[in-house]
Amino acid sequence: YPQDIVDQMRVMGLFGLMIPEEYGGLGGSLLTYALCVEELARGWMSISGVLNTHFIVAYLLRQHGTEEQKQRFLPRMATGESRGAFSMSEPGMGS
């Protein structure tokens, strides 16, 4: 992805959109998240994927992470210093 676009997303605070304020984020709602990703996808689908994947990981940490995990990961994710990612594999297909 063009780094300059990702850098501007960081400046705008988009990586902290779904992260609670207590961890340095904006504390946005699921509706705000959906509208944000929709607008990004309208402009460039691939760039919306950068943020969408990050949001999914942040949401999972927010809902199911231990307090230690939240303290460790969410503040850096809120600034975009670190970004959430995950990988999936299907049975019999390898990774």
PDB file of N, CA and C in Angstrom:
ATOM      1  N   TYR A   1       0.835  -1.180   0.000  1.00  0.00           N
ATOM      2  CA  TYR A   1       0.000   0.000   0.000  1.00  0.00           C
ATOM      3  C   TYR A   1       0.882   1.246   0.000  1.00  0.00           C
ATOM      4  N   PRO A   2       0.427   2.288  -0.614  1.00  0.00           N
ATOM      5  CA  PRO A   2       1.202   3.533  -0.591  1.00  0.00           C
ATOM      6  C   PRO A   2       1.356   4.032   0.847  1.00  0.00           C
ATOM      7  N   GLN A   3       2.587   4.104   1.299  1.00  0.00           N
ATOM      8  CA  GLN A   3       2.854   4.493   2.682  1.00  0.00           C
ATOM      9  C   GLN A   3       2.318   5.882   3.006  1.00  0.00           C
ATOM     10  N   ASP A   4       2.329   6.784   2.032  1.00  0.00           N
ATOM     11  CA  ASP A   4       1.849   8.137   2.319  1.00  0.00           C
ATOM     12  C   ASP A   4       0.363   8.152   2.678  1.00  0.00           C
ATOM     13  N   ILE A   5      -0.409   7.260   2.085  1.00  0.00           N
ATOM     14  CA  ILE A   5      -1.839   7.175   2.423  1.00  0.00           C
ATOM     15  C   ILE A   5      -2.011   6.609   3.829  1.00  0.00           C
ATOM     16  N   VAL A   6      -1.263   5.549   4.136  1.00  0.00           N
ATOM     17  CA  VAL A   6      -1.333   4.953   5.474  1.00  0.00           C
ATOM     18  C   VAL A   6      -0.879   5.972   6.523  1.00  0.00           C
ATOM     19  N   ASP A   7       0.159   6.742   6.208  1.00  0.00           N
ATOM     20  CA  ASP A   7       0.617   7.782   7.138  1.00  0.00           C
ATOM     21  C   ASP A   7      -0.476   8.818   7.390  1.00  0.00           C
ATOM     22  N   GLN A   8      -1.197   9.207   6.361  1.00  0.00           N
ATOM     23  CA  GLN A   8      -2.286  10.171   6.531  1.00  0.00           C
ATOM     24  C   GLN A   8      -3.431   9.575   7.354  1.00  0.00           C
ATOM     25  N   MET A   9      -3.668   8.285   7.200  1.00  0.00           N
ATOM     26  CA  MET A   9      -4.683   7.613   8.015  1.00  0.00           C
ATOM     27  C   MET A   9      -4.280   7.672   9.487  1.00  0.00           C
ATOM     28  N   ARG A  10      -2.980   7.523   9.757  1.00  0.00           N
ATOM     29  CA  ARG A  10      -2.481   7.638  11.134  1.00  0.00           C
ATOM     30  C   ARG A  10      -2.702   9.048  11.666  1.00  0.00           C
ATOM     31  N   VAL A  11      -2.335  10.050  10.865  1.00  0.00           N
ATOM     32  CA  VAL A  11      -2.486  11.450  11.278  1.00  0.00           C
ATOM     33  C   VAL A  11      -3.951  11.760  11.591  1.00  0.00           C
ATOM     34  N   MET A  12      -4.853  11.210  10.801  1.00  0.00           N
ATOM     35  CA  MET A  12      -6.286  11.442  11.004  1.00  0.00           C
ATOM     36  C   MET A  12      -6.832  10.702  12.221  1.00  0.00           C
ATOM     37  N   GLY A  13      -6.046   9.783  12.789  1.00  0.00           N
ATOM     38  CA  GLY A  13      -6.484   9.028  13.955  1.00  0.00           C
ATOM     39  C   GLY A  13      -7.361   7.837  13.628  1.00  0.00           C
ATOM     40  N   LEU A  14      -7.400   7.443  12.354  1.00  0.00           N
ATOM     41  CA  LEU A  14      -8.311   6.364  11.967  1.00  0.00           C
ATOM     42  C   LEU A  14      -7.977   5.030  12.616  1.00  0.00           C
ATOM     43  N   PHE A  15      -6.709   4.771  12.910  1.00  0.00           N
ATOM     44  CA  PHE A  15      -6.356   3.492  13.515  1.00  0.00           C
ATOM     45  C   PHE A  15      -6.863   3.381  14.951  1.00  0.00           C
ATOM     46  N   GLY A  16      -7.165   4.509  15.576  1.00  0.00           N
ATOM     47  CA  GLY A  16      -7.700   4.496  16.935  1.00  0.00           C
ATOM     48  C   GLY A  16      -9.207   4.603  17.011  1.00  0.00           C
ATOM     49  N   LEU A  17      -9.862   4.594  15.876  1.00  0.00           N
ATOM     50  CA  LEU A  17     -11.303   4.817  15.834  1.00  0.00           C
ATOM     51  C   LEU A  17     -12.085   3.868  16.737  1.00  0.00           C
ATOM     52  N   MET A  18     -11.783   2.591  16.714  1.00  0.00           N
ATOM     53  CA  MET A  18     -12.549   1.595  17.473  1.00  0.00           C
ATOM     54  C   MET A  18     -11.936   1.253  18.830  1.00  0.00           C
ATOM     55  N   ILE A  19     -10.867   1.927  19.182  1.00  0.00           N
ATOM     56  CA  ILE A  19     -10.179   1.619  20.436  1.00  0.00           C
ATOM     57  C   ILE A  19     -10.687   2.565  21.525  1.00  0.00           C
ATOM     58  N   PRO A  20     -11.010   2.015  22.707  1.00  0.00           N
ATOM     59  CA  PRO A  20     -11.545   2.854  23.785  1.00  0.00           C
ATOM     60  C   PRO A  20     -10.607   4.007  24.154  1.00  0.00           C
ATOM     61  N   GLU A  21     -11.188   5.107  24.581  1.00  0.00           N
ATOM     62  CA  GLU A  21     -10.419   6.287  24.962  1.00  0.00           C
ATOM     63  C   GLU A  21      -9.403   5.978  26.052  1.00  0.00           C
ATOM     64  N   GLU A  22      -9.755   5.076  26.962  1.00  0.00           N
ATOM     65  CA  GLU A  22      -8.839   4.761  28.066  1.00  0.00           C
ATOM     66  C   GLU A  22      -7.530   4.140  27.581  1.00  0.00           C
ATOM     67  N   TYR A  23      -7.501   3.665  26.333  1.00  0.00           N
ATOM     68  CA  TYR A  23      -6.283   3.099  25.746  1.00  0.00           C
ATOM     69  C   TYR A  23      -5.727   4.007  24.648  1.00  0.00           C
ATOM     70  N   GLY A  24      -6.181   5.247  24.601  1.00  0.00           N
ATOM     71  CA  GLY A  24      -5.652   6.211  23.654  1.00  0.00           C
ATOM     72  C   GLY A  24      -6.399   6.328  22.339  1.00  0.00           C
ATOM     73  N   GLY A  25      -7.514   5.613  22.214  1.00  0.00           N
ATOM     74  CA  GLY A  25      -8.291   5.659  20.978  1.00  0.00           C
ATOM     75  C   GLY A  25      -9.399   6.692  21.020  1.00  0.00           C
ATOM     76  N   LEU A  26     -10.223   6.667  20.003  1.00  0.00           N
ATOM     77  CA  LEU A  26     -11.337   7.610  19.897  1.00  0.00           C
ATOM     78  C   LEU A  26     -12.640   7.059  20.469  1.00  0.00           C
ATOM     79  N   GLY A  27     -12.688   5.747  20.735  1.00  0.00           N
ATOM     80  CA  GLY A  27     -13.874   5.148  21.334  1.00  0.00           C
ATOM     81  C   GLY A  27     -15.101   5.140  20.445  1.00  0.00           C
ATOM     82  N   GLY A  28     -14.895   5.016  19.139  1.00  0.00           N
ATOM     83  CA  GLY A  28     -16.006   5.037  18.190  1.00  0.00           C
ATOM     84  C   GLY A  28     -16.910   3.812  18.276  1.00  0.00           C
ATOM     85  N   SER A  29     -18.089   3.951  17.725  1.00  0.00           N
ATOM     86  CA  SER A  29     -19.080   2.870  17.720  1.00  0.00           C
ATOM     87  C   SER A  29     -18.894   1.971  16.501  1.00  0.00           C
ATOM     88  N   LEU A  30     -19.591   0.848  16.508  1.00  0.00           N
ATOM     89  CA  LEU A  30     -19.565  -0.038  15.342  1.00  0.00           C
ATOM     90  C   LEU A  30     -20.148   0.651  14.114  1.00  0.00           C
ATOM     91  N   LEU A  31     -21.144   1.494  14.312  1.00  0.00           N
ATOM     92  CA  LEU A  31     -21.716   2.233  13.189  1.00  0.00           C
ATOM     93  C   LEU A  31     -20.674   3.179  12.578  1.00  0.00           C
ATOM     94  N   THR A  32     -19.951   3.877  13.419  1.00  0.00           N
ATOM     95  CA  THR A  32     -18.904   4.776  12.927  1.00  0.00           C
ATOM     96  C   THR A  32     -17.856   3.994  12.151  1.00  0.00           C
ATOM     97  N   TYR A  33     -17.460   2.851  12.679  1.00  0.00           N
ATOM     98  CA  TYR A  33     -16.507   1.966  12.002  1.00  0.00           C
ATOM     99  C   TYR A  33     -17.023   1.572  10.624  1.00  0.00           C
ATOM    100  N   ALA A  34     -18.267   1.131  10.561  1.00  0.00           N
ATOM    101  CA  ALA A  34     -18.844   0.678   9.288  1.00  0.00           C
ATOM    102  C   ALA A  34     -18.891   1.818   8.270  1.00  0.00           C
ATOM    103  N   LEU A  35     -19.277   2.994   8.711  1.00  0.00           N
ATOM    104  CA  LEU A  35     -19.340   4.145   7.808  1.00  0.00           C
ATOM    105  C   LEU A  35     -17.951   4.550   7.318  1.00  0.00           C
ATOM    106  N   CYS A  36     -16.974   4.485   8.189  1.00  0.00           N
ATOM    107  CA  CYS A  36     -15.602   4.828   7.818  1.00  0.00           C
ATOM    108  C   CYS A  36     -15.066   3.862   6.762  1.00  0.00           C
ATOM    109  N   VAL A  37     -15.221   2.568   7.002  1.00  0.00           N
ATOM    110  CA  VAL A  37     -14.732   1.567   6.049  1.00  0.00           C
ATOM    111  C   VAL A  37     -15.488   1.676   4.729  1.00  0.00           C
ATOM    112  N   GLU A  38     -16.776   1.954   4.799  1.00  0.00           N
ATOM    113  CA  GLU A  38     -17.560   2.118   3.576  1.00  0.00           C
ATOM    114  C   GLU A  38     -17.016   3.272   2.723  1.00  0.00           C
ATOM    115  N   GLU A  39     -16.711   4.382   3.361  1.00  0.00           N
ATOM    116  CA  GLU A  39     -16.185   5.536   2.627  1.00  0.00           C
ATOM    117  C   GLU A  39     -14.806   5.255   2.045  1.00  0.00           C
ATOM    118  N   LEU A  40     -13.960   4.587   2.820  1.00  0.00           N
ATOM    119  CA  LEU A  40     -12.636   4.234   2.294  1.00  0.00           C
ATOM    120  C   LEU A  40     -12.760   3.290   1.101  1.00  0.00           C
ATOM    121  N   ALA A  41     -13.644   2.314   1.212  1.00  0.00           N
ATOM    122  CA  ALA A  41     -13.834   1.346   0.126  1.00  0.00           C
ATOM    123  C   ALA A  41     -14.370   2.023  -1.127  1.00  0.00           C
ATOM    124  N   ARG A  42     -15.161   3.037  -0.949  1.00  0.00           N
ATOM    125  CA  ARG A  42     -15.681   3.783  -2.094  1.00  0.00           C
ATOM    126  C   ARG A  42     -14.524   4.390  -2.897  1.00  0.00           C
ATOM    127  N   GLY A  43     -13.482   4.833  -2.183  1.00  0.00           N
ATOM    128  CA  GLY A  43     -12.330   5.437  -2.841  1.00  0.00           C
ATOM    129  C   GLY A  43     -11.314   4.421  -3.332  1.00  0.00           C
ATOM    130  N   TRP A  44     -11.033   3.404  -2.497  1.00  0.00           N
ATOM    131  CA  TRP A  44     -10.031   2.391  -2.861  1.00  0.00           C
ATOM    132  C   TRP A  44     -10.232   1.188  -1.940  1.00  0.00           C
ATOM    133  N   MET A  45     -10.746   0.126  -2.493  1.00  0.00           N
ATOM    134  CA  MET A  45     -11.090  -1.058  -1.716  1.00  0.00           C
ATOM    135  C   MET A  45      -9.896  -1.610  -0.932  1.00  0.00           C
ATOM    136  N   SER A  46      -8.735  -1.643  -1.540  1.00  0.00           N
ATOM    137  CA  SER A  46      -7.565  -2.215  -0.864  1.00  0.00           C
ATOM    138  C   SER A  46      -7.177  -1.433   0.381  1.00  0.00           C
ATOM    139  N   ILE A  47      -7.259  -0.128   0.328  1.00  0.00           N
ATOM    140  CA  ILE A  47      -6.920   0.686   1.499  1.00  0.00           C
ATOM    141  C   ILE A  47      -7.929   0.456   2.618  1.00  0.00           C
ATOM    142  N   SER A  48      -9.173   0.239   2.268  1.00  0.00           N
ATOM    143  CA  SER A  48     -10.163  -0.045   3.313  1.00  0.00           C
ATOM    144  C   SER A  48      -9.809  -1.337   4.036  1.00  0.00           C
ATOM    145  N   GLY A  49      -9.178  -2.273   3.332  1.00  0.00           N
ATOM    146  CA  GLY A  49      -8.766  -3.533   3.947  1.00  0.00           C
ATOM    147  C   GLY A  49      -7.712  -3.346   5.023  1.00  0.00           C
ATOM    148  N   VAL A  50      -6.830  -2.367   4.837  1.00  0.00           N
ATOM    149  CA  VAL A  50      -5.816  -2.074   5.853  1.00  0.00           C
ATOM    150  C   VAL A  50      -6.504  -1.723   7.167  1.00  0.00           C
ATOM    151  N   LEU A  51      -7.469  -0.853   7.099  1.00  0.00           N
ATOM    152  CA  LEU A  51      -8.162  -0.404   8.297  1.00  0.00           C
ATOM    153  C   LEU A  51      -9.143  -1.455   8.813  1.00  0.00           C
ATOM    154  N   ASN A  52      -9.817  -2.130   7.924  1.00  0.00           N
ATOM    155  CA  ASN A  52     -10.796  -3.136   8.331  1.00  0.00           C
ATOM    156  C   ASN A  52     -10.131  -4.253   9.130  1.00  0.00           C
ATOM    157  N   THR A  53      -9.009  -4.759   8.639  1.00  0.00           N
ATOM    158  CA  THR A  53      -8.295  -5.817   9.359  1.00  0.00           C
ATOM    159  C   THR A  53      -7.851  -5.314  10.728  1.00  0.00           C
ATOM    160  N   HIS A  54      -7.339  -4.108  10.771  1.00  0.00           N
ATOM    161  CA  HIS A  54      -6.909  -3.503  12.034  1.00  0.00           C
ATOM    162  C   HIS A  54      -8.087  -3.405  13.008  1.00  0.00           C
ATOM    163  N   PHE A  55      -9.230  -2.947  12.514  1.00  0.00           N
ATOM    164  CA  PHE A  55     -10.421  -2.825  13.352  1.00  0.00           C
ATOM    165  C   PHE A  55     -10.858  -4.175  13.918  1.00  0.00           C
ATOM    166  N   ILE A  56     -10.829  -5.203  13.095  1.00  0.00           N
ATOM    167  CA  ILE A  56     -11.249  -6.533  13.553  1.00  0.00           C
ATOM    168  C   ILE A  56     -10.378  -6.990  14.714  1.00  0.00           C
ATOM    169  N   VAL A  57      -9.069  -6.854  14.566  1.00  0.00           N
ATOM    170  CA  VAL A  57      -8.152  -7.274  15.628  1.00  0.00           C
ATOM    171  C   VAL A  57      -8.353  -6.421  16.883  1.00  0.00           C
ATOM    172  N   ALA A  58      -8.485  -5.118  16.722  1.00  0.00           N
ATOM    173  CA  ALA A  58      -8.702  -4.238  17.873  1.00  0.00           C
ATOM    174  C   ALA A  58     -10.006  -4.590  18.593  1.00  0.00           C
ATOM    175  N   TYR A  59     -11.039  -4.884  17.823  1.00  0.00           N
ATOM    176  CA  TYR A  59     -12.327  -5.239  18.422  1.00  0.00           C
ATOM    177  C   TYR A  59     -12.218  -6.549  19.207  1.00  0.00           C
ATOM    178  N   LEU A  60     -11.539  -7.538  18.626  1.00  0.00           N
ATOM    179  CA  LEU A  60     -11.365  -8.813  19.326  1.00  0.00           C
ATOM    180  C   LEU A  60     -10.576  -8.626  20.617  1.00  0.00           C
ATOM    181  N   LEU A  61      -9.528  -7.827  20.571  1.00  0.00           N
ATOM    182  CA  LEU A  61      -8.770  -7.537  21.790  1.00  0.00           C
ATOM    183  C   LEU A  61      -9.640  -6.814  22.809  1.00  0.00           C
ATOM    184  N   ARG A  62     -10.396  -5.843  22.350  1.00  0.00           N
ATOM    185  CA  ARG A  62     -11.267  -5.067  23.237  1.00  0.00           C
ATOM    186  C   ARG A  62     -12.298  -5.956  23.918  1.00  0.00           C
ATOM    187  N   GLN A  63     -12.874  -6.859  23.185  1.00  0.00           N
ATOM    188  CA  GLN A  63     -13.947  -7.697  23.721  1.00  0.00           C
ATOM    189  C   GLN A  63     -13.443  -8.913  24.496  1.00  0.00           C
ATOM    190  N   HIS A  64     -12.312  -9.481  24.081  1.00  0.00           N
ATOM    191  CA  HIS A  64     -11.908 -10.774  24.641  1.00  0.00           C
ATOM    192  C   HIS A  64     -10.501 -10.807  25.224  1.00  0.00           C
ATOM    193  N   GLY A  65      -9.737  -9.735  25.059  1.00  0.00           N
ATOM    194  CA  GLY A  65      -8.371  -9.724  25.582  1.00  0.00           C
ATOM    195  C   GLY A  65      -8.342  -9.550  27.088  1.00  0.00           C
ATOM    196  N   THR A  66      -7.249 -10.008  27.682  1.00  0.00           N
ATOM    197  CA  THR A  66      -7.040  -9.753  29.106  1.00  0.00           C
ATOM    198  C   THR A  66      -6.668  -8.283  29.274  1.00  0.00           C
ATOM    199  N   GLU A  67      -6.751  -7.794  30.486  1.00  0.00           N
ATOM    200  CA  GLU A  67      -6.363  -6.400  30.727  1.00  0.00           C
ATOM    201  C   GLU A  67      -4.892  -6.189  30.367  1.00  0.00           C
ATOM    202  N   GLU A  68      -4.072  -7.174  30.659  1.00  0.00           N
ATOM    203  CA  GLU A  68      -2.647  -7.078  30.314  1.00  0.00           C
ATOM    204  C   GLU A  68      -2.460  -6.948  28.794  1.00  0.00           C
ATOM    205  N   GLN A  69      -3.194  -7.736  28.024  1.00  0.00           N
ATOM    206  CA  GLN A  69      -3.109  -7.651  26.563  1.00  0.00           C
ATOM    207  C   GLN A  69      -3.597  -6.294  26.064  1.00  0.00           C
ATOM    208  N   LYS A  70      -4.687  -5.815  26.632  1.00  0.00           N
ATOM    209  CA  LYS A  70      -5.213  -4.507  26.229  1.00  0.00           C
ATOM    210  C   LYS A  70      -4.194  -3.406  26.503  1.00  0.00           C
ATOM    211  N   GLN A  71      -3.591  -3.416  27.688  1.00  0.00           N
ATOM    212  CA  GLN A  71      -2.595  -2.404  28.055  1.00  0.00           C
ATOM    213  C   GLN A  71      -1.370  -2.487  27.144  1.00  0.00           C
ATOM    214  N   ARG A  72      -1.016  -3.689  26.767  1.00  0.00           N
ATOM    215  CA  ARG A  72       0.184  -3.899  25.949  1.00  0.00           C
ATOM    216  C   ARG A  72      -0.015  -3.483  24.494  1.00  0.00           C
ATOM    217  N   PHE A  73      -1.153  -3.847  23.905  1.00  0.00           N
ATOM    218  CA  PHE A  73      -1.329  -3.674  22.467  1.00  0.00           C
ATOM    219  C   PHE A  73      -2.166  -2.462  22.044  1.00  0.00           C
ATOM    220  N   LEU A  74      -3.250  -2.187  22.733  1.00  0.00           N
ATOM    221  CA  LEU A  74      -4.191  -1.177  22.247  1.00  0.00           C
ATOM    222  C   LEU A  74      -3.630   0.244  22.140  1.00  0.00           C
ATOM    223  N   PRO A  75      -2.812   0.719  23.085  1.00  0.00           N
ATOM    224  CA  PRO A  75      -2.288   2.080  22.915  1.00  0.00           C
ATOM    225  C   PRO A  75      -1.459   2.258  21.635  1.00  0.00           C
ATOM    226  N   ARG A  76      -0.624   1.296  21.310  1.00  0.00           N
ATOM    227  CA  ARG A  76       0.176   1.397  20.073  1.00  0.00           C
ATOM    228  C   ARG A  76      -0.685   1.190  18.840  1.00  0.00           C
ATOM    229  N   MET A  77      -1.721   0.390  18.961  1.00  0.00           N
ATOM    230  CA  MET A  77      -2.642   0.209  17.840  1.00  0.00           C
ATOM    231  C   MET A  77      -3.455   1.483  17.619  1.00  0.00           C
ATOM    232  N   ALA A  78      -3.779   2.185  18.696  1.00  0.00           N
ATOM    233  CA  ALA A  78      -4.582   3.408  18.586  1.00  0.00           C
ATOM    234  C   ALA A  78      -3.869   4.487  17.780  1.00  0.00           C
ATOM    235  N   THR A  79      -2.548   4.539  17.888  1.00  0.00           N
ATOM    236  CA  THR A  79      -1.779   5.548  17.149  1.00  0.00           C
ATOM    237  C   THR A  79      -1.400   5.073  15.753  1.00  0.00           C
ATOM    238  N   GLY A  80      -1.578   3.783  15.498  1.00  0.00           N
ATOM    239  CA  GLY A  80      -1.144   3.235  14.215  1.00  0.00           C
ATOM    240  C   GLY A  80       0.313   2.824  14.229  1.00  0.00           C
ATOM    241  N   GLU A  81       0.968   2.959  15.390  1.00  0.00           N
ATOM    242  CA  GLU A  81       2.362   2.526  15.513  1.00  0.00           C
ATOM    243  C   GLU A  81       2.476   1.041  15.199  1.00  0.00           C
ATOM    244  N   SER A  82       1.502   0.280  15.666  1.00  0.00           N
ATOM    245  CA  SER A  82       1.406  -1.125  15.276  1.00  0.00           C
ATOM    246  C   SER A  82       0.005  -1.346  14.722  1.00  0.00           C
ATOM    247  N   ARG A  83      -0.081  -2.222  13.752  1.00  0.00           N
ATOM    248  CA  ARG A  83      -1.372  -2.471  13.099  1.00  0.00           C
ATOM    249  C   ARG A  83      -1.770  -3.925  13.289  1.00  0.00           C
ATOM    250  N   GLY A  84      -3.069  -4.116  13.486  1.00  0.00           N
ATOM    251  CA  GLY A  84      -3.602  -5.451  13.644  1.00  0.00           C
ATOM    252  C   GLY A  84      -3.621  -6.197  12.315  1.00  0.00           C
ATOM    253  N   ALA A  85      -3.336  -7.488  12.394  1.00  0.00           N
ATOM    254  CA  ALA A  85      -3.374  -8.350  11.214  1.00  0.00           C
ATOM    255  C   ALA A  85      -3.677  -9.768  11.672  1.00  0.00           C
ATOM    256  N   PHE A  86      -4.162 -10.577  10.777  1.00  0.00           N
ATOM    257  CA  PHE A  86      -4.383 -11.985  11.075  1.00  0.00           C
ATOM    258  C   PHE A  86      -4.275 -12.771   9.785  1.00  0.00           C
ATOM    259  N   SER A  87      -4.121 -14.071   9.936  1.00  0.00           N
ATOM    260  CA  SER A  87      -4.093 -14.934   8.750  1.00  0.00           C
ATOM    261  C   SER A  87      -5.016 -16.111   9.000  1.00  0.00           C
ATOM    262  N   MET A  88      -5.493 -16.684   7.934  1.00  0.00           N
ATOM    263  CA  MET A  88      -6.400 -17.821   8.029  1.00  0.00           C
ATOM    264  C   MET A  88      -5.907 -18.921   7.099  1.00  0.00           C
ATOM    265  N   SER A  89      -6.266 -20.127   7.429  1.00  0.00           N
ATOM    266  CA  SER A  89      -5.912 -21.264   6.592  1.00  0.00           C
ATOM    267  C   SER A  89      -7.107 -22.208   6.559  1.00  0.00           C
ATOM    268  N   GLU A  90      -7.234 -22.924   5.475  1.00  0.00           N
ATOM    269  CA  GLU A  90      -8.303 -23.903   5.356  1.00  0.00           C
ATOM    270  C   GLU A  90      -7.724 -25.299   5.523  1.00  0.00           C
ATOM    271  N   PRO A  91      -8.493 -26.214   6.126  1.00  0.00           N
ATOM    272  CA  PRO A  91      -8.006 -27.581   6.298  1.00  0.00           C
ATOM    273  C   PRO A  91      -7.563 -28.180   4.960  1.00  0.00           C
ATOM    274  N   GLY A  92      -6.391 -28.807   4.979  1.00  0.00           N
ATOM    275  CA  GLY A  92      -5.891 -29.483   3.790  1.00  0.00           C
ATOM    276  C   GLY A  92      -5.287 -28.566   2.744  1.00  0.00           C
ATOM    277  N   MET A  93      -5.282 -27.261   2.989  1.00  0.00           N
ATOM    278  CA  MET A  93      -4.765 -26.324   1.988  1.00  0.00           C
ATOM    279  C   MET A  93      -3.369 -25.813   2.333  1.00  0.00           C
ATOM    280  N   GLY A  94      -2.925 -26.004   3.545  1.00  0.00           N
ATOM    281  CA  GLY A  94      -1.609 -25.505   3.934  1.00  0.00           C
ATOM    282  C   GLY A  94      -1.635 -24.025   4.219  1.00  0.00           C
ATOM    283  N   SER A  95      -0.511 -23.542   4.698  1.00  0.00           N
ATOM    284  CA  SER A  95      -0.403 -22.116   5.023  1.00  0.00           C
ATOM    285  C   SER A  95       0.847 -21.547   4.409  1.00  0.00           C
TER     286      SER A  95
END
